[in-house]
Amino acid sequence: MIKISDKLCNELIGELKKDNKGLHSWLETIHPIDLAETITDLNDDELLQFYKRVDTELMAEVLEQAEDDFQARFLRLLDIKDIISIFNYMATDDITDIIGNLTFAESKKILNMMKEEDSGAIRKLLGYDEESAGGLMTTEFIALKESLTTIEALTKIKRISPTTEVIRSIFVLDDSKKLVGVADLRDILVAKEETLLRDIANTNVISVTPDIDQEEVALLVAKYDLTAIPVISRKGIMLGIITVDDIIDVIEEENTEDILKLGGVSEEERIDSSLMISIRRRLPWLLINLVTAFLAAYTVGLFEDVIAQVVALAAAMPIVAGMGGNAGTQTLSITIRSIALGELELKESWKIVFKEILLGLIHGAATGVVTGVILYFVYGNPYLGLIILLAMICNLIIAGLSGFLIPLGLKIVGIDPALASAIILTTATDVFGFFIFLGLAKVFLNFLIV
C-alpha cells in the first residue's frame, strides 16, 4: 500500500516537470503540512528546483511545518541571502527553533546577516531553555500604552498587525512597560473613540515568567482556555507571548514523551531510527528489567521445596503476579495523568490511599473468587482456591497502593514519574505476589498435599 506522502511526492516530481502555472495550481490543492511531509522525500536537486519554483512566503510556511532534521538539511542547501529572505516571512519563535538546531558556526553566520533588532530578539530567545516559557515565546505581539484612546489604538494596530502573530488580544502596558491588562480587539472596536484602553482592559491577566516549564504553561492555557499567554519578567515587564498553536505542540510532545517513558523507550527514538540508536535507547532499560526479574526469581527460589511438593502452585502463581501488575498499571496510569494535569494535591492523598486499599480489596475478592473456583474444579482442592483468593486480595491492595504511591514519591523527590514508575511497580507486584502466594501455600502445605 502506497503512503499518502509517497503518492504526493510522485505527483510533485511530475508537476516540477510542467510549467509554473500547472505547478502553482497543484500546490493550491495541498495543505502546507502535507507539503512539508512530501518534500522531505525529494533529493537535494529536486528540493532546490522546488524552492526556485515556489513563492518565498509559501516556502516559509512549509518550512515551519517540517521536521527539525529536514529544516537543517534544507537551509544548508541555500545561500545566506536566501535564508534571510525566507525568515522575513516567519515568526521570531519559529526562526529561533530552526536556528537552534544548526551548528554554532551556521547560526552565528545567519544571525550576523539579519537586522540587528531581529537577531537581538532571536539571540535572547536562544538563551532560554527550549522547554521553558522563554524558549516557547515569540516577541511578535501587540502591546499598547494604557493611556491611548481606542481610535489611537486602532491606528497603531492597523500598522503593527502585519508583523505579529496574534491580534485578537491587545496587551496593555503602563509607562514602564509593565503588563497591566489585556484588551480584546472586539471590545476596542465597539468602544467609543475617546475611551482609554485602561478602561476596557481586563486587569485579571494570567501570565508566566520565562523560566516556567512548558508543561506548566500548557496546563494554564488549557485551564483558562487561553489563545495566548503573556510572558513577563519578575518585575512585570512584558517579554513576549506564547500562542495556542505552540501549546498544542507542547501537549503532543509531553504526552508522547510520557507514553514512551512508561514503555522504557526514549522520546528521541522513532520507528525508522537506526539499529544502533534503538539498541542504545532500549537495552539499558531491558537490563534494569532483567535485574528486577532476577529479584522475582530469587523470591520464588525461597519456596522451591513447597513448589516441588505441590506442582499446581507453579501453574497458579503467575496469575497472582499478573493480576497485580494489571491492577497496578491501571492505578499508575491514572496517577501519572493526574500529576501531569496538576490535579493531585498532597493534602488529599490520604483519601486516595484509603480508596485504593478498598478498591484492591474488592477487586482482589472478585477476581480471587473466580480464580479460586476455577482452580478447585481443575485440581479438586478447596485450599488451593482459598490460598489464591487471599493472595489475590493482598497483592491487588499492594498493587493499588504501589500504583499511587510510587509516582507520587518520585514526583516529590524530583524524578519524572513516567520514567521509573513502571519498573518499580512491576518489581513490587511480582515479588510481593510470589511471596504472599507461596508463603500462604507453605502455611497450608499439609492441606495441599493429598
Protein backbone atom coordinates (compact mmCIF):
# COMPACT_ATOMS: atom_id res chain seq x y z
CA MET A 1 0.00 0.00 0.00
CA ILE A 2 1.44 3.41 -1.03
CA LYS A 3 1.62 6.07 1.70
CA ILE A 4 -0.11 9.41 1.04
CA SER A 5 3.25 11.23 1.27
CA ASP A 6 4.75 8.85 -1.33
CA LYS A 7 1.80 9.46 -3.64
CA LEU A 8 2.08 13.24 -3.24
CA CYS A 9 5.84 13.07 -3.77
CA ASN A 10 5.38 11.28 -7.09
CA GLU A 11 2.77 13.86 -8.08
CA LEU A 12 5.09 16.73 -7.06
CA ILE A 13 8.00 15.35 -9.09
CA GLY A 14 5.64 15.15 -12.07
CA GLU A 15 4.43 18.72 -11.53
CA LEU A 16 8.01 20.02 -11.36
CA LYS A 17 8.39 18.92 -14.96
CA LYS A 18 5.48 21.13 -16.00
CA ASP A 19 5.22 24.93 -16.30
CA ASN A 20 4.78 27.24 -13.29
CA LYS A 21 1.04 27.65 -13.86
CA GLY A 22 0.44 23.92 -13.57
CA LEU A 23 2.68 23.60 -10.52
CA HIS A 24 1.04 26.50 -8.69
CA SER A 25 -2.43 25.17 -9.46
CA TRP A 26 -1.44 21.83 -7.94
CA LEU A 27 0.12 23.50 -4.87
CA GLU A 28 -3.16 25.31 -4.14
CA THR A 29 -4.79 21.92 -3.52
CA ILE A 30 -2.18 20.80 -0.96
CA HIS A 31 -2.07 21.87 2.69
CA PRO A 32 1.34 23.21 3.81
CA ILE A 33 1.80 20.49 6.45
CA ASP A 34 1.18 17.77 3.83
CA LEU A 35 3.59 19.53 1.52
CA ALA A 36 6.18 19.65 4.31
CA GLU A 37 5.93 15.87 4.73
CA THR A 38 6.11 15.38 0.96
CA ILE A 39 9.24 17.38 0.15
CA THR A 40 11.31 15.51 2.75
CA ASP A 41 11.46 12.64 0.22
CA LEU A 42 12.95 14.84 -2.52
CA ASN A 43 16.67 14.66 -3.24
CA ASP A 44 18.76 17.82 -2.99
CA ASP A 45 18.50 18.71 -6.69
CA GLU A 46 14.70 18.26 -6.68
CA LEU A 47 14.45 20.25 -3.46
CA LEU A 48 16.37 23.20 -4.91
CA GLN A 49 14.24 23.05 -8.04
CA PHE A 50 11.11 23.14 -5.89
CA TYR A 51 12.43 26.12 -3.90
CA LYS A 52 13.19 28.12 -7.06
CA ARG A 53 9.70 27.48 -8.46
CA VAL A 54 7.56 28.41 -5.42
CA ASP A 55 6.81 31.68 -3.63
CA THR A 56 9.13 32.51 -0.74
CA GLU A 57 6.14 33.02 1.56
CA LEU A 58 4.85 29.50 0.81
CA MET A 59 8.35 28.09 1.34
CA ALA A 60 8.46 29.77 4.74
CA GLU A 61 5.09 28.31 5.71
CA VAL A 62 6.14 24.84 4.60
CA LEU A 63 9.47 25.07 6.43
CA GLU A 64 7.70 26.00 9.67
CA GLN A 65 5.76 22.71 9.49
CA ALA A 66 8.74 20.50 8.60
CA GLU A 67 10.73 18.23 10.94
CA ASP A 68 13.92 19.56 12.58
CA ASP A 69 16.29 17.38 10.54
CA PHE A 70 14.77 18.49 7.26
CA GLN A 71 14.88 22.17 8.24
CA ALA A 72 18.63 21.94 8.87
CA ARG A 73 19.20 19.95 5.68
CA PHE A 74 17.26 22.44 3.56
CA LEU A 75 18.97 25.55 4.96
CA ARG A 76 22.38 24.06 4.26
CA LEU A 77 21.46 23.99 0.56
CA LEU A 78 20.78 27.74 0.45
CA ASP A 79 22.82 30.92 0.42
CA ILE A 80 22.58 33.18 3.46
CA LYS A 81 20.59 35.76 1.49
CA ASP A 82 18.01 33.13 0.53
CA ILE A 83 17.72 32.04 4.15
CA ILE A 84 17.17 35.61 5.33
CA SER A 85 14.56 36.06 2.59
CA ILE A 86 12.61 33.06 3.89
CA PHE A 87 12.98 34.17 7.52
CA ASN A 88 11.38 37.50 6.64
CA TYR A 89 8.06 35.62 6.37
CA MET A 90 8.45 33.67 9.61
CA ALA A 91 7.72 34.41 13.26
CA THR A 92 10.63 35.01 15.61
CA ASP A 93 9.95 31.94 17.73
CA ASP A 94 9.85 29.69 14.65
CA ILE A 95 13.14 31.14 13.40
CA THR A 96 14.64 30.58 16.85
CA ASP A 97 13.60 26.91 16.82
CA ILE A 98 15.18 26.39 13.40
CA ILE A 99 18.43 28.21 14.21
CA GLY A 100 18.68 26.30 17.48
CA ASN A 101 19.07 23.06 15.50
CA LEU A 102 22.02 24.37 13.46
CA THR A 103 25.69 24.32 14.40
CA PHE A 104 27.09 27.31 16.28
CA ALA A 105 29.02 28.47 13.21
CA GLU A 106 25.94 28.24 10.97
CA SER A 107 23.64 30.05 13.42
CA LYS A 108 26.24 32.78 14.03
CA LYS A 109 26.62 33.35 10.28
CA ILE A 110 22.86 33.72 9.82
CA LEU A 111 22.38 35.99 12.83
CA ASN A 112 25.17 38.29 11.68
CA MET A 113 23.36 38.78 8.36
CA MET A 114 19.99 39.64 9.96
CA LYS A 115 18.73 43.02 11.05
CA GLU A 116 20.02 43.86 14.49
CA GLU A 117 16.55 44.16 16.01
CA ASP A 118 15.60 40.70 14.70
CA SER A 119 18.86 38.97 15.55
CA GLY A 120 18.80 40.53 19.03
CA ALA A 121 15.39 39.07 19.76
CA ILE A 122 16.46 35.65 18.46
CA ARG A 123 19.69 35.67 20.48
CA LYS A 124 17.65 36.44 23.58
CA LEU A 125 15.22 33.58 22.86
CA LEU A 126 18.12 31.19 22.21
CA GLY A 127 19.35 31.94 25.73
CA TYR A 128 16.27 30.31 27.29
CA ASP A 129 15.79 26.60 27.90
CA GLU A 130 13.90 25.26 24.88
CA GLU A 131 11.37 23.55 27.20
CA SER A 132 10.64 26.71 29.19
CA ALA A 133 8.19 29.55 28.64
CA GLY A 134 11.07 31.72 27.41
CA GLY A 135 12.02 29.12 24.83
CA LEU A 136 8.43 28.91 23.57
CA MET A 137 7.54 32.58 23.44
CA THR A 138 7.50 34.89 20.46
CA THR A 139 8.33 38.57 20.64
CA GLU A 140 5.87 39.43 17.88
CA PHE A 141 2.78 40.72 19.67
CA ILE A 142 0.83 43.94 20.00
CA ALA A 143 1.31 45.87 23.23
CA LEU A 144 -0.01 49.41 23.63
CA LYS A 145 0.10 52.03 26.37
CA GLU A 146 -2.90 52.21 28.66
CA SER A 147 -3.22 55.95 28.06
CA LEU A 148 -4.14 55.54 24.38
CA THR A 149 -7.72 56.06 23.22
CA THR A 150 -9.38 53.29 21.22
CA ILE A 151 -9.16 55.29 17.98
CA GLU A 152 -5.41 55.79 18.53
CA ALA A 153 -5.07 52.14 19.41
CA LEU A 154 -6.82 51.02 16.20
CA THR A 155 -4.49 53.16 14.11
CA LYS A 156 -1.45 51.51 15.72
CA ILE A 157 -2.97 48.02 15.45
CA LYS A 158 -3.55 48.50 11.73
CA ARG A 159 0.10 49.48 11.29
CA ILE A 160 1.62 46.79 13.51
CA SER A 161 -0.63 43.76 12.85
CA PRO A 162 1.07 42.52 9.61
CA THR A 163 4.21 41.66 11.63
CA THR A 164 2.54 39.98 14.60
CA GLU A 165 1.13 36.51 15.29
CA VAL A 166 -1.86 37.44 17.47
CA ILE A 167 -4.09 40.48 17.02
CA ARG A 168 -7.19 39.33 18.88
CA SER A 169 -5.59 40.05 22.25
CA ILE A 170 -4.05 43.50 22.74
CA PHE A 171 -1.73 43.68 25.73
CA VAL A 172 -1.91 46.90 27.73
CA LEU A 173 1.21 48.35 29.36
CA ASP A 174 1.93 51.22 31.70
CA ASP A 175 4.66 53.82 31.08
CA SER A 176 7.36 51.49 32.47
CA LYS A 177 6.29 48.69 30.04
CA LYS A 178 4.78 46.60 32.81
CA LEU A 179 1.80 44.47 31.84
CA VAL A 180 -1.34 45.86 33.45
CA GLY A 181 -4.10 44.20 31.42
CA VAL A 182 -5.30 42.72 28.16
CA ALA A 183 -7.99 44.13 25.87
CA ASP A 184 -9.98 42.11 23.37
CA LEU A 185 -9.92 43.53 19.85
CA ARG A 186 -13.70 43.29 19.70
CA ASP A 187 -14.06 45.47 22.81
CA ILE A 188 -11.77 48.08 21.24
CA LEU A 189 -13.82 48.09 18.04
CA VAL A 190 -17.18 48.61 19.78
CA ALA A 191 -15.98 51.12 22.40
CA LYS A 192 -16.35 54.87 21.92
CA GLU A 193 -13.41 56.53 20.19
CA GLU A 194 -12.40 58.59 23.21
CA THR A 195 -12.39 55.59 25.60
CA LEU A 196 -8.98 54.85 27.12
CA LEU A 197 -7.50 51.37 26.85
CA ARG A 198 -7.10 51.18 30.63
CA ASP A 199 -10.89 51.48 30.96
CA ILE A 200 -11.69 48.43 28.80
CA ALA A 201 -8.67 46.26 29.65
CA ASN A 202 -9.12 43.15 31.79
CA THR A 203 -6.63 43.53 34.64
CA ASN A 204 -7.00 39.91 35.80
CA VAL A 205 -4.29 38.59 33.47
CA ILE A 206 -2.90 35.05 33.60
CA SER A 207 0.83 35.27 32.87
CA VAL A 208 4.05 33.29 33.34
CA THR A 209 7.74 34.05 33.84
CA PRO A 210 10.26 32.82 31.23
CA ASP A 211 11.74 30.12 33.50
CA ILE A 212 8.42 28.27 33.95
CA ASP A 213 8.40 24.75 32.46
CA GLN A 214 6.43 24.34 29.23
CA GLU A 215 4.22 21.68 30.80
CA GLU A 216 3.03 24.12 33.47
CA VAL A 217 2.34 26.72 30.77
CA ALA A 218 0.25 24.18 28.83
CA LEU A 219 -1.80 23.43 31.96
CA LEU A 220 -2.55 27.13 32.48
CA VAL A 221 -3.58 27.65 28.84
CA ALA A 222 -5.86 24.60 28.98
CA LYS A 223 -7.33 25.54 32.38
CA TYR A 224 -8.18 29.13 31.46
CA ASP A 225 -8.97 28.45 27.77
CA LEU A 226 -6.45 30.99 26.51
CA THR A 227 -5.43 31.67 22.91
CA ALA A 228 -2.22 33.37 24.04
CA ILE A 229 -0.48 33.75 27.38
CA PRO A 230 1.93 36.64 28.13
CA VAL A 231 5.46 36.05 29.41
CA ILE A 232 6.68 38.67 31.86
CA SER A 233 9.84 39.29 33.85
CA ARG A 234 9.84 39.07 37.64
CA LYS A 235 9.35 42.85 37.69
CA GLY A 236 6.27 42.55 35.47
CA ILE A 237 7.91 43.77 32.24
CA MET A 238 6.28 42.29 29.12
CA LEU A 239 8.74 39.98 27.31
CA GLY A 240 6.64 38.02 24.83
CA ILE A 241 3.66 35.73 24.35
CA ILE A 242 3.07 32.02 23.86
CA THR A 243 0.37 31.16 21.34
CA VAL A 244 -2.04 28.25 21.47
CA ASP A 245 -0.51 26.54 18.41
CA ASP A 246 2.79 26.22 20.29
CA ILE A 247 0.91 24.89 23.32
CA ILE A 248 -0.72 22.17 21.19
CA ASP A 249 2.77 21.10 20.10
CA VAL A 250 3.86 21.00 23.76
CA ILE A 251 0.88 18.85 24.78
CA GLU A 252 1.59 16.41 21.96
CA GLU A 253 5.29 16.33 22.83
CA GLU A 254 4.72 15.80 26.57
CA ASN A 255 2.09 13.09 26.04
CA THR A 256 4.34 11.25 23.59
CA GLU A 257 7.27 11.54 25.99
CA ASP A 258 5.28 10.13 28.94
CA ILE A 259 3.88 7.21 26.94
CA LEU A 260 7.33 6.27 25.64
CA LYS A 261 8.88 6.56 29.10
CA LEU A 262 6.22 4.26 30.54
CA GLY A 263 7.35 1.69 27.99
CA GLY A 264 11.03 2.24 28.78
CA VAL A 265 11.72 3.90 25.42
CA SER A 266 13.45 7.21 24.75
CA GLU A 267 11.39 10.03 23.23
CA GLU A 268 14.28 10.57 20.80
CA GLU A 269 13.70 7.20 19.11
CA ARG A 270 11.46 6.83 16.08
CA ILE A 271 10.12 3.77 14.30
CA ASP A 272 12.62 4.35 11.49
CA SER A 273 15.60 5.01 13.78
CA SER A 274 18.79 3.10 13.00
CA LEU A 275 19.50 -0.26 14.63
CA MET A 276 22.29 1.15 16.81
CA ILE A 277 20.14 4.04 18.10
CA SER A 278 17.33 1.62 19.04
CA ILE A 279 19.80 -0.66 20.84
CA ARG A 280 21.30 2.25 22.82
CA ARG A 281 17.87 3.58 23.79
CA ARG A 282 16.23 0.28 24.75
CA LEU A 283 18.93 -2.07 26.05
CA PRO A 284 19.66 -0.19 29.33
CA TRP A 285 16.02 -0.45 30.38
CA LEU A 286 15.90 -4.13 29.43
CA LEU A 287 18.95 -4.75 31.63
CA ILE A 288 17.27 -2.95 34.53
CA ASN A 289 14.17 -5.11 33.98
CA LEU A 290 16.44 -8.16 33.97
CA VAL A 291 17.70 -7.24 37.45
CA THR A 292 14.14 -6.97 38.75
CA ALA A 293 13.28 -10.30 37.10
CA PHE A 294 16.15 -11.94 39.00
CA LEU A 295 14.73 -10.47 42.21
CA ALA A 296 11.36 -12.09 41.49
CA ALA A 297 13.11 -15.37 40.58
CA TYR A 298 15.01 -15.23 43.87
CA THR A 299 11.73 -14.87 45.75
CA VAL A 300 10.35 -17.95 44.01
CA GLY A 301 13.59 -19.82 44.78
CA LEU A 302 12.96 -19.36 48.52
CA PHE A 303 9.98 -21.69 48.18
CA GLU A 304 11.45 -24.37 45.90
CA ASP A 305 10.66 -27.13 48.41
CA VAL A 306 7.00 -26.06 48.57
CA ILE A 307 6.62 -25.92 44.78
CA ALA A 308 8.31 -29.32 44.45
CA GLN A 309 5.66 -30.86 46.70
CA VAL A 310 2.67 -29.09 45.09
CA VAL A 311 3.27 -28.71 41.35
CA ALA A 312 -0.07 -26.92 40.91
CA LEU A 313 1.46 -23.87 42.60
CA ALA A 314 3.80 -23.35 39.63
CA ALA A 315 0.81 -23.03 37.32
CA ALA A 316 -1.17 -20.76 39.64
CA MET A 317 1.40 -18.24 40.92
CA PRO A 318 1.80 -16.29 37.61
CA ILE A 319 -1.91 -15.49 37.86
CA VAL A 320 -1.41 -13.61 41.13
CA ALA A 321 1.60 -11.65 39.88
CA GLY A 322 -0.04 -10.91 36.51
CA MET A 323 -3.27 -9.62 38.04
CA GLY A 324 -1.28 -7.49 40.47
CA GLY A 325 0.67 -5.98 37.58
CA ASN A 326 -2.51 -5.22 35.63
CA ALA A 327 -4.24 -3.61 38.61
CA GLY A 328 -1.16 -1.59 39.50
CA THR A 329 -0.81 -0.33 35.93
CA GLN A 330 -4.41 0.91 35.98
CA THR A 331 -3.74 2.99 39.09
CA LEU A 332 -0.32 4.05 37.82
CA SER A 333 -1.74 5.40 34.54
CA ILE A 334 -4.44 7.42 36.30
CA THR A 335 -1.98 8.77 38.90
CA ILE A 336 0.63 9.88 36.34
CA ARG A 337 -2.07 11.57 34.28
CA SER A 338 -3.36 13.40 37.38
CA ILE A 339 0.16 14.54 38.27
CA ALA A 340 0.74 15.76 34.69
CA LEU A 341 -2.53 17.73 34.75
CA GLY A 342 -1.86 19.17 38.20
CA GLU A 343 -4.98 17.55 39.64
CA LEU A 344 -3.28 15.72 42.52
CA GLU A 345 -2.84 17.53 45.84
CA LEU A 346 -0.68 16.04 48.60
CA LYS A 347 -3.03 17.09 51.37
CA GLU A 348 -5.80 14.96 49.82
CA SER A 349 -3.56 11.91 49.29
CA TRP A 350 -4.77 10.03 52.36
CA LYS A 351 -8.26 9.82 50.88
CA ILE A 352 -6.87 8.23 47.72
CA VAL A 353 -4.77 5.78 49.77
CA PHE A 354 -7.90 4.62 51.58
CA LYS A 355 -9.77 4.35 48.28
CA GLU A 356 -7.00 2.23 46.70
CA ILE A 357 -7.00 -0.14 49.71
CA LEU A 358 -10.75 -0.59 49.42
CA LEU A 359 -10.54 -0.93 45.64
CA GLY A 360 -7.81 -3.58 45.95
CA LEU A 361 -9.90 -5.46 48.49
CA ILE A 362 -12.99 -5.51 46.26
CA HIS A 363 -11.13 -6.28 43.02
CA GLY A 364 -8.97 -8.91 44.75
CA ALA A 365 -12.02 -10.62 46.25
CA ALA A 366 -13.92 -10.62 42.94
CA THR A 367 -11.06 -11.95 40.81
CA GLY A 368 -9.88 -14.24 43.61
CA VAL A 369 -13.26 -15.95 43.93
CA VAL A 370 -13.42 -16.57 40.17
CA THR A 371 -9.83 -17.88 40.09
CA GLY A 372 -10.33 -19.98 43.22
CA VAL A 373 -13.45 -21.68 41.83
CA ILE A 374 -11.67 -22.49 38.56
CA LEU A 375 -8.63 -23.95 40.37
CA TYR A 376 -10.91 -26.02 42.58
CA PHE A 377 -12.54 -27.65 39.56
CA VAL A 378 -9.15 -28.18 37.86
CA TYR A 379 -7.24 -29.58 40.86
CA GLY A 380 -10.05 -30.61 43.22
CA ASN A 381 -8.51 -28.90 46.26
CA PRO A 382 -10.53 -26.16 48.01
CA TYR A 383 -7.49 -24.94 49.97
CA LEU A 384 -5.68 -24.04 46.76
CA GLY A 385 -8.67 -21.87 45.85
CA LEU A 386 -8.65 -20.27 49.33
CA ILE A 387 -4.92 -19.52 49.11
CA ILE A 388 -5.19 -17.81 45.76
CA LEU A 389 -8.21 -15.81 46.98
CA LEU A 390 -6.24 -14.45 49.94
CA ALA A 391 -3.12 -13.87 47.84
CA MET A 392 -5.12 -12.04 45.16
CA ILE A 393 -6.69 -9.71 47.73
CA CYS A 394 -3.33 -8.89 49.34
CA ASN A 395 -1.46 -8.38 46.07
CA LEU A 396 -4.14 -6.19 44.50
CA ILE A 397 -4.14 -3.99 47.59
CA ILE A 398 -0.35 -3.72 47.31
CA ALA A 399 -0.66 -3.07 43.56
CA GLY A 400 -3.13 -0.23 44.08
CA LEU A 401 -1.03 1.39 46.78
CA SER A 402 2.15 0.97 44.69
CA GLY A 403 0.49 2.40 41.58
CA PHE A 404 -0.41 5.52 43.55
CA LEU A 405 2.48 5.98 45.99
CA ILE A 406 5.40 5.18 43.63
CA PRO A 407 4.79 8.01 41.11
CA LEU A 408 3.82 10.36 43.93
CA GLY A 409 7.06 9.60 45.78
CA LEU A 410 9.15 10.02 42.63
CA LYS A 411 7.50 13.36 41.96
CA ILE A 412 8.28 14.57 45.49
CA VAL A 413 12.00 13.71 45.14
CA GLY A 414 12.18 15.36 41.71
CA ILE A 415 12.23 12.27 39.44
CA ASP A 416 9.91 12.06 36.42
CA PRO A 417 7.17 9.57 37.48
CA ALA A 418 6.74 8.34 33.91
CA LEU A 419 10.40 7.34 33.72
CA ALA A 420 10.81 4.86 36.58
CA SER A 421 7.34 4.06 37.95
CA ALA A 422 6.59 1.07 35.71
CA ILE A 423 9.80 -0.79 36.59
CA ILE A 424 9.37 -0.30 40.36
CA LEU A 425 5.69 -1.27 40.14
CA THR A 426 6.42 -4.49 38.23
CA THR A 427 9.06 -5.44 40.79
CA ALA A 428 6.69 -4.78 43.70
CA THR A 429 3.74 -6.73 42.31
CA ASP A 430 5.89 -9.70 41.19
CA VAL A 431 7.93 -10.00 44.39
CA PHE A 432 5.04 -9.46 46.78
CA GLY A 433 2.69 -11.55 44.67
CA PHE A 434 5.00 -14.57 44.65
CA PHE A 435 5.98 -14.14 48.31
CA ILE A 436 2.40 -13.87 49.59
CA PHE A 437 1.05 -16.72 47.45
CA LEU A 438 3.91 -19.14 48.15
CA GLY A 439 4.08 -18.06 51.80
CA LEU A 440 0.40 -18.93 52.26
CA ALA A 441 0.97 -22.19 50.41
CA LYS A 442 3.71 -23.08 52.90
CA VAL A 443 1.35 -22.36 55.81
CA PHE A 444 -1.38 -24.58 54.29
CA LEU A 445 1.08 -27.15 52.89
CA ASN A 446 -0.39 -30.08 54.88
CA PHE A 447 -3.83 -29.34 53.36
CA LEU A 448 -2.49 -29.12 49.83
CA ILE A 449 -0.69 -32.48 49.88
CA VAL A 450 -3.23 -35.26 49.41
